[in-house]
Amino acid sequence: MAIAVMVINVYAKNLEVTIVRAGSTFDTTQDVIVKLQYRNTGQKKINIVKWYLPGKELYDPLFKITCNNVPVEYLGPMIKRVKPAAKE
């Protein structure tokens, strides 16, 4: 299965974005942490403003994601919360 990610809304046609993951399998208790690598494939300098780079939280649909060349809908972050304590 191939997964491709492209940054959208960044005005740089020569910007290549690659996802690098720590492993290929994860159990249900592990966080899946990925690293995004940005590469300029053109001849000119590209400036990317900070708000187009993901931080610790990602809520905006900054990416066009496909799986085997089929678009995958961005659903937003998947958040797991622990049961609140009695004092909360």
Protein backbone atom coordinates (compact mmCIF):
# COMPACT_ATOMS: atom_id res chain seq x y z
CA MET A 1 0.00 0.00 0.00
CA ALA A 2 1.47 3.35 -1.02
CA ILE A 3 0.68 6.52 0.89
CA ALA A 4 1.44 9.93 -0.59
CA VAL A 5 1.20 13.27 1.15
CA MET A 6 1.40 16.72 -0.39
CA VAL A 7 1.35 20.05 1.36
CA ILE A 8 -1.43 22.19 -0.05
CA ASN A 9 -1.80 25.95 0.24
CA VAL A 10 1.97 26.32 0.11
CA TYR A 11 2.79 28.16 -3.07
CA ALA A 12 5.77 26.05 -4.11
CA LYS A 13 5.30 23.66 -6.99
CA ASN A 14 8.76 22.18 -6.44
CA LEU A 15 8.23 21.20 -2.81
CA GLU A 16 8.40 17.47 -2.14
CA VAL A 17 7.16 16.18 1.21
CA THR A 18 7.97 12.67 2.43
CA ILE A 19 6.65 10.82 5.48
CA VAL A 20 9.23 8.83 7.42
CA ARG A 21 7.91 6.46 10.08
CA ALA A 22 9.74 4.76 12.92
CA GLY A 23 8.51 1.27 12.03
CA SER A 24 6.07 -0.66 9.89
CA THR A 25 3.88 -2.24 12.57
CA PHE A 26 2.48 -0.79 15.77
CA ASP A 27 0.35 -2.36 18.48
CA THR A 28 -2.80 -0.72 19.78
CA THR A 29 -1.02 0.95 22.71
CA GLN A 30 1.71 2.64 20.67
CA ASP A 31 1.59 6.14 19.25
CA VAL A 32 2.49 6.26 15.58
CA ILE A 33 5.06 9.00 15.25
CA VAL A 34 6.08 10.19 11.82
CA LYS A 35 8.57 12.76 10.60
CA LEU A 36 7.89 15.00 7.61
CA GLN A 37 10.84 15.74 5.34
CA TYR A 38 10.64 18.74 3.00
CA ARG A 39 12.80 18.86 -0.15
CA ASN A 40 13.14 21.61 -2.74
CA THR A 41 13.27 19.88 -6.14
CA GLY A 42 13.53 23.14 -8.09
CA GLN A 43 16.32 25.55 -8.91
CA LYS A 44 15.03 28.53 -6.92
CA LYS A 45 14.84 29.15 -3.17
CA ILE A 46 11.51 28.26 -1.55
CA ASN A 47 10.21 30.01 1.56
CA ILE A 48 7.69 28.16 3.70
CA VAL A 49 5.95 30.19 6.37
CA LYS A 50 5.93 28.68 9.83
CA TRP A 51 2.16 28.25 10.04
CA TYR A 52 2.30 25.77 7.13
CA LEU A 53 4.58 23.46 9.09
CA PRO A 54 2.90 21.06 11.50
CA GLY A 55 3.47 21.69 15.18
CA LYS A 56 2.55 19.48 18.09
CA GLU A 57 -1.12 19.72 17.15
CA LEU A 58 -2.50 19.56 13.64
CA TYR A 59 -6.10 20.56 13.08
CA ASP A 60 -6.09 22.20 9.65
CA PRO A 61 -6.33 20.09 6.49
CA LEU A 62 -2.85 21.08 5.28
CA PHE A 63 -2.29 17.83 3.44
CA LYS A 64 -3.77 16.08 0.46
CA ILE A 65 -3.49 12.40 1.39
CA THR A 66 -3.85 9.50 -1.03
CA CYS A 67 -3.62 5.75 -0.63
CA ASN A 68 -2.78 3.90 -3.86
CA ASN A 69 -3.55 7.14 -5.74
CA VAL A 70 -7.07 7.35 -4.26
CA PRO A 71 -7.84 10.47 -2.15
CA VAL A 72 -8.33 9.82 1.56
CA GLU A 73 -10.55 12.20 3.52
CA TYR A 74 -8.83 14.20 6.27
CA LEU A 75 -10.87 13.64 9.43
CA GLY A 76 -8.77 15.71 11.80
CA PRO A 77 -6.75 14.46 14.74
CA MET A 78 -7.67 11.20 16.41
CA ILE A 79 -7.57 11.96 20.13
CA LYS A 80 -7.66 9.38 22.90
CA ARG A 81 -8.63 10.68 26.31
CA VAL A 82 -8.34 8.93 29.64
CA LYS A 83 -11.35 8.62 31.90
CA PRO A 84 -11.60 11.85 33.96
CA ALA A 85 -10.75 11.66 37.64
CA ALA A 86 -13.55 12.21 40.18
CA LYS A 87 -12.23 15.69 41.02
CA GLU A 88 -12.59 16.75 37.38
